[in-house]
Amino acid sequence: MVQDEVAAEVVLDDGRLTGRGRMTVLRLLWRPSDPLAVRLVLTAQPDHPALPRGEWVVLRDFVRYGLEEPTGDGSVRIRPDEQLDRVWFELDRPGRAACVSVPRPTVRGFLDRTDEVVPAGDERSVEAIEALLARLLAD
């Protein structure tokens, strides 16, 4: 693991649709070397072509805003569900978007741990901008 990497892993409730011992997992990953970004990695365990999977990158600020209000654009949209105390991530992918929800306290705790390493507002260093540009150019 990268030093100071922050991760949260959530086994998604699929209403027993996957069956046969399969599950879908969403990992939220953040690294101080790229402090503006959060990677969202959706995997199926064990891997199965019918289950959603992929990787998306979203601004850490968007994840933070998504705790309280709908936000995001492009391939990731985020909205809170206050009634269920969850956060919904709509992840664009070929075919149909993957819509997953995560308990809001899990997302908030993940963001709090990232803030312990690089507080919000302090990530706008030359290195952070270079990491952002490198990621954008790679995509």
C-alpha atoms as a PDB file:
ATOM      1  CA  MET A   1       0.000   0.000   0.000  1.00  0.00           C
ATOM      2  CA  VAL A   2       1.190   3.520  -0.780  1.00  0.00           C
ATOM      3  CA  GLN A   3       2.183   5.477   2.312  1.00  0.00           C
ATOM      4  CA  ASP A   4      -0.772   7.504   3.613  1.00  0.00           C
ATOM      5  CA  GLU A   5      -3.148   6.007   1.033  1.00  0.00           C
ATOM      6  CA  VAL A   6      -6.702   6.153   2.339  1.00  0.00           C
ATOM      7  CA  ALA A   7      -9.204   3.509   1.289  1.00  0.00           C
ATOM      8  CA  ALA A   8     -12.722   2.441   2.148  1.00  0.00           C
ATOM      9  CA  GLU A   9     -14.317  -0.734   0.884  1.00  0.00           C
ATOM     10  CA  VAL A  10     -18.061  -1.367   0.812  1.00  0.00           C
ATOM     11  CA  VAL A  11     -19.810  -4.602  -0.084  1.00  0.00           C
ATOM     12  CA  LEU A  12     -22.869  -3.458  -1.980  1.00  0.00           C
ATOM     13  CA  ASP A  13     -26.289  -4.861  -1.240  1.00  0.00           C
ATOM     14  CA  ASP A  14     -27.701  -6.147  -4.503  1.00  0.00           C
ATOM     15  CA  GLY A  15     -30.942  -7.555  -3.121  1.00  0.00           C
ATOM     16  CA  ARG A  16     -29.536 -11.070  -3.583  1.00  0.00           C
ATOM     17  CA  LEU A  17     -29.537 -10.588  -7.352  1.00  0.00           C
ATOM     18  CA  THR A  18     -26.018 -11.915  -7.901  1.00  0.00           C
ATOM     19  CA  GLY A  19     -26.573 -15.149  -5.970  1.00  0.00           C
ATOM     20  CA  ARG A  20     -24.123 -18.020  -6.059  1.00  0.00           C
ATOM     21  CA  GLY A  21     -21.718 -16.436  -3.593  1.00  0.00           C
ATOM     22  CA  ARG A  22     -20.975 -13.425  -5.779  1.00  0.00           C
ATOM     23  CA  MET A  23     -20.741  -9.905  -4.451  1.00  0.00           C
ATOM     24  CA  THR A  24     -20.057  -6.437  -5.781  1.00  0.00           C
ATOM     25  CA  VAL A  25     -17.532  -4.245  -3.974  1.00  0.00           C
ATOM     26  CA  LEU A  26     -16.903  -0.515  -4.259  1.00  0.00           C
ATOM     27  CA  ARG A  27     -13.500   0.788  -3.152  1.00  0.00           C
ATOM     28  CA  LEU A  28     -12.869   4.475  -2.586  1.00  0.00           C
ATOM     29  CA  LEU A  29      -9.150   5.241  -2.922  1.00  0.00           C
ATOM     30  CA  TRP A  30      -7.231   8.451  -2.279  1.00  0.00           C
ATOM     31  CA  ARG A  31      -3.499   9.191  -2.380  1.00  0.00           C
ATOM     32  CA  PRO A  32      -1.656  12.256  -1.132  1.00  0.00           C
ATOM     33  CA  SER A  33       0.354  12.255  -4.382  1.00  0.00           C
ATOM     34  CA  ASP A  34      -2.913  13.095  -6.202  1.00  0.00           C
ATOM     35  CA  PRO A  35      -4.883  14.845  -3.440  1.00  0.00           C
ATOM     36  CA  LEU A  36      -7.581  16.347  -5.662  1.00  0.00           C
ATOM     37  CA  ALA A  37      -8.849  12.968  -6.854  1.00  0.00           C
ATOM     38  CA  VAL A  38     -10.754  10.002  -5.465  1.00  0.00           C
ATOM     39  CA  ARG A  39     -10.697   6.771  -7.444  1.00  0.00           C
ATOM     40  CA  LEU A  40     -13.830   4.635  -7.373  1.00  0.00           C
ATOM     41  CA  VAL A  41     -13.187   0.990  -8.217  1.00  0.00           C
ATOM     42  CA  LEU A  42     -16.168  -1.317  -8.705  1.00  0.00           C
ATOM     43  CA  THR A  43     -15.388  -5.031  -8.794  1.00  0.00           C
ATOM     44  CA  ALA A  44     -17.255  -8.306  -8.707  1.00  0.00           C
ATOM     45  CA  GLN A  45     -15.947 -11.116  -6.537  1.00  0.00           C
ATOM     46  CA  PRO A  46     -15.496 -13.545  -8.108  1.00  0.00           C
ATOM     47  CA  ASP A  47     -15.368 -11.736 -11.426  1.00  0.00           C
ATOM     48  CA  HIS A  48     -18.390 -12.304 -13.648  1.00  0.00           C
ATOM     49  CA  PRO A  49     -19.248 -10.584 -16.963  1.00  0.00           C
ATOM     50  CA  ALA A  50     -22.851  -9.906 -15.915  1.00  0.00           C
ATOM     51  CA  LEU A  51     -21.811  -7.897 -12.844  1.00  0.00           C
ATOM     52  CA  PRO A  52     -20.835  -4.217 -13.058  1.00  0.00           C
ATOM     53  CA  ARG A  53     -17.177  -3.288 -12.795  1.00  0.00           C
ATOM     54  CA  GLY A  54     -14.910  -0.425 -13.724  1.00  0.00           C
ATOM     55  CA  GLU A  55     -12.843   2.462 -12.438  1.00  0.00           C
ATOM     56  CA  TRP A  56     -13.752   6.142 -12.271  1.00  0.00           C
ATOM     57  CA  VAL A  57     -12.014   9.263 -10.977  1.00  0.00           C
ATOM     58  CA  VAL A  58     -13.880  12.116  -9.315  1.00  0.00           C
ATOM     59  CA  LEU A  59     -12.751  15.264  -7.521  1.00  0.00           C
ATOM     60  CA  ARG A  60     -12.504  14.831  -3.762  1.00  0.00           C
ATOM     61  CA  ASP A  61     -14.513  18.062  -3.407  1.00  0.00           C
ATOM     62  CA  PHE A  62     -17.341  16.519  -5.457  1.00  0.00           C
ATOM     63  CA  VAL A  63     -17.484  13.550  -3.086  1.00  0.00           C
ATOM     64  CA  ARG A  64     -17.605  16.001  -0.177  1.00  0.00           C
ATOM     65  CA  TYR A  65     -20.383  18.084  -1.801  1.00  0.00           C
ATOM     66  CA  GLY A  66     -22.280  14.891  -2.604  1.00  0.00           C
ATOM     67  CA  LEU A  67     -22.815  14.266   1.096  1.00  0.00           C
ATOM     68  CA  GLU A  68     -25.262  17.189   1.160  1.00  0.00           C
ATOM     69  CA  GLU A  69     -26.343  17.992  -2.410  1.00  0.00           C
ATOM     70  CA  PRO A  70     -26.442  16.453  -5.899  1.00  0.00           C
ATOM     71  CA  THR A  71     -23.196  17.070  -7.757  1.00  0.00           C
ATOM     72  CA  GLY A  72     -20.862  15.684 -10.367  1.00  0.00           C
ATOM     73  CA  ASP A  73     -20.793  15.606 -14.097  1.00  0.00           C
ATOM     74  CA  GLY A  74     -19.459  13.469 -16.877  1.00  0.00           C
ATOM     75  CA  SER A  75     -18.898   9.909 -15.784  1.00  0.00           C
ATOM     76  CA  VAL A  76     -19.687  10.291 -12.049  1.00  0.00           C
ATOM     77  CA  ARG A  77     -22.782  11.834 -10.498  1.00  0.00           C
ATOM     78  CA  ILE A  78     -23.305  11.888  -6.751  1.00  0.00           C
ATOM     79  CA  ARG A  79     -26.395  12.578  -4.675  1.00  0.00           C
ATOM     80  CA  PRO A  80     -27.310  12.188  -1.024  1.00  0.00           C
ATOM     81  CA  ASP A  81     -30.250  10.135   0.151  1.00  0.00           C
ATOM     82  CA  GLU A  82     -31.093  11.755   3.468  1.00  0.00           C
ATOM     83  CA  GLN A  83     -33.968   9.398   4.184  1.00  0.00           C
ATOM     84  CA  LEU A  84     -31.723   6.312   4.019  1.00  0.00           C
ATOM     85  CA  ASP A  85     -28.552   8.169   5.192  1.00  0.00           C
ATOM     86  CA  ARG A  86     -26.693   7.008   2.090  1.00  0.00           C
ATOM     87  CA  VAL A  87     -24.819   8.516  -0.833  1.00  0.00           C
ATOM     88  CA  TRP A  88     -25.648   7.395  -4.379  1.00  0.00           C
ATOM     89  CA  PHE A  89     -22.933   7.176  -7.032  1.00  0.00           C
ATOM     90  CA  GLU A  90     -24.095   6.957 -10.640  1.00  0.00           C
ATOM     91  CA  LEU A  91     -21.122   5.603 -12.583  1.00  0.00           C
ATOM     92  CA  ASP A  92     -21.292   5.936 -16.352  1.00  0.00           C
ATOM     93  CA  ARG A  93     -20.238   2.872 -18.309  1.00  0.00           C
ATOM     94  CA  PRO A  94     -21.053   1.252 -21.632  1.00  0.00           C
ATOM     95  CA  GLY A  95     -24.640   0.107 -21.712  1.00  0.00           C
ATOM     96  CA  ARG A  96     -26.356   1.048 -18.503  1.00  0.00           C
ATOM     97  CA  ALA A  97     -24.868   3.199 -15.733  1.00  0.00           C
ATOM     98  CA  ALA A  98     -23.978   1.451 -12.483  1.00  0.00           C
ATOM     99  CA  CYS A  99     -25.893   3.027  -9.584  1.00  0.00           C
ATOM    100  CA  VAL A 100     -24.566   2.139  -6.162  1.00  0.00           C
ATOM    101  CA  SER A 101     -25.228   3.517  -2.711  1.00  0.00           C
ATOM    102  CA  VAL A 102     -22.867   3.742   0.224  1.00  0.00           C
ATOM    103  CA  PRO A 103     -23.706   4.596   3.846  1.00  0.00           C
ATOM    104  CA  ARG A 104     -23.121   8.322   4.316  1.00  0.00           C
ATOM    105  CA  PRO A 105     -21.087   7.792   7.526  1.00  0.00           C
ATOM    106  CA  THR A 106     -18.693   5.545   5.527  1.00  0.00           C
ATOM    107  CA  VAL A 107     -18.126   8.273   2.920  1.00  0.00           C
ATOM    108  CA  ARG A 108     -17.792  10.975   5.585  1.00  0.00           C
ATOM    109  CA  GLY A 109     -15.294   8.855   7.544  1.00  0.00           C
ATOM    110  CA  PHE A 110     -13.277   8.235   4.370  1.00  0.00           C
ATOM    111  CA  LEU A 111     -13.133  11.981   3.650  1.00  0.00           C
ATOM    112  CA  ASP A 112     -12.207  12.758   7.269  1.00  0.00           C
ATOM    113  CA  ARG A 113      -9.237  10.375   6.989  1.00  0.00           C
ATOM    114  CA  THR A 114      -8.088  12.053   3.755  1.00  0.00           C
ATOM    115  CA  ASP A 115      -8.329  15.450   5.481  1.00  0.00           C
ATOM    116  CA  GLU A 116      -6.022  14.190   8.242  1.00  0.00           C
ATOM    117  CA  VAL A 117      -3.310  13.651   5.617  1.00  0.00           C
ATOM    118  CA  VAL A 118      -3.978  16.654   3.340  1.00  0.00           C
ATOM    119  CA  PRO A 119      -6.639  19.050   4.642  1.00  0.00           C
ATOM    120  CA  ALA A 120      -9.200  20.371   2.177  1.00  0.00           C
ATOM    121  CA  GLY A 121      -7.823  23.534   0.617  1.00  0.00           C
ATOM    122  CA  ASP A 122      -4.166  22.542   1.133  1.00  0.00           C
ATOM    123  CA  GLU A 123      -4.042  20.248  -1.896  1.00  0.00           C
ATOM    124  CA  ARG A 124      -3.481  22.976  -4.449  1.00  0.00           C
ATOM    125  CA  SER A 125       0.277  22.603  -4.541  1.00  0.00           C
ATOM    126  CA  VAL A 126       2.372  22.410  -7.697  1.00  0.00           C
ATOM    127  CA  GLU A 127       2.614  18.619  -7.242  1.00  0.00           C
ATOM    128  CA  ALA A 128      -1.178  18.279  -6.976  1.00  0.00           C
ATOM    129  CA  ILE A 129      -1.733  20.280 -10.147  1.00  0.00           C
ATOM    130  CA  GLU A 130       0.922  18.242 -11.984  1.00  0.00           C
ATOM    131  CA  ALA A 131      -0.734  14.985 -10.849  1.00  0.00           C
ATOM    132  CA  LEU A 132      -4.116  16.264 -12.027  1.00  0.00           C
ATOM    133  CA  LEU A 133      -2.722  17.278 -15.422  1.00  0.00           C
ATOM    134  CA  ALA A 134      -0.926  13.945 -15.831  1.00  0.00           C
ATOM    135  CA  ARG A 135      -4.135  12.034 -15.064  1.00  0.00           C
ATOM    136  CA  LEU A 136      -6.205  14.168 -17.441  1.00  0.00           C
ATOM    137  CA  LEU A 137      -3.682  13.772 -20.252  1.00  0.00           C
ATOM    138  CA  ALA A 138      -3.481  10.017 -19.675  1.00  0.00           C
ATOM    139  CA  ASP A 139      -7.255   9.689 -20.028  1.00  0.00           C
END
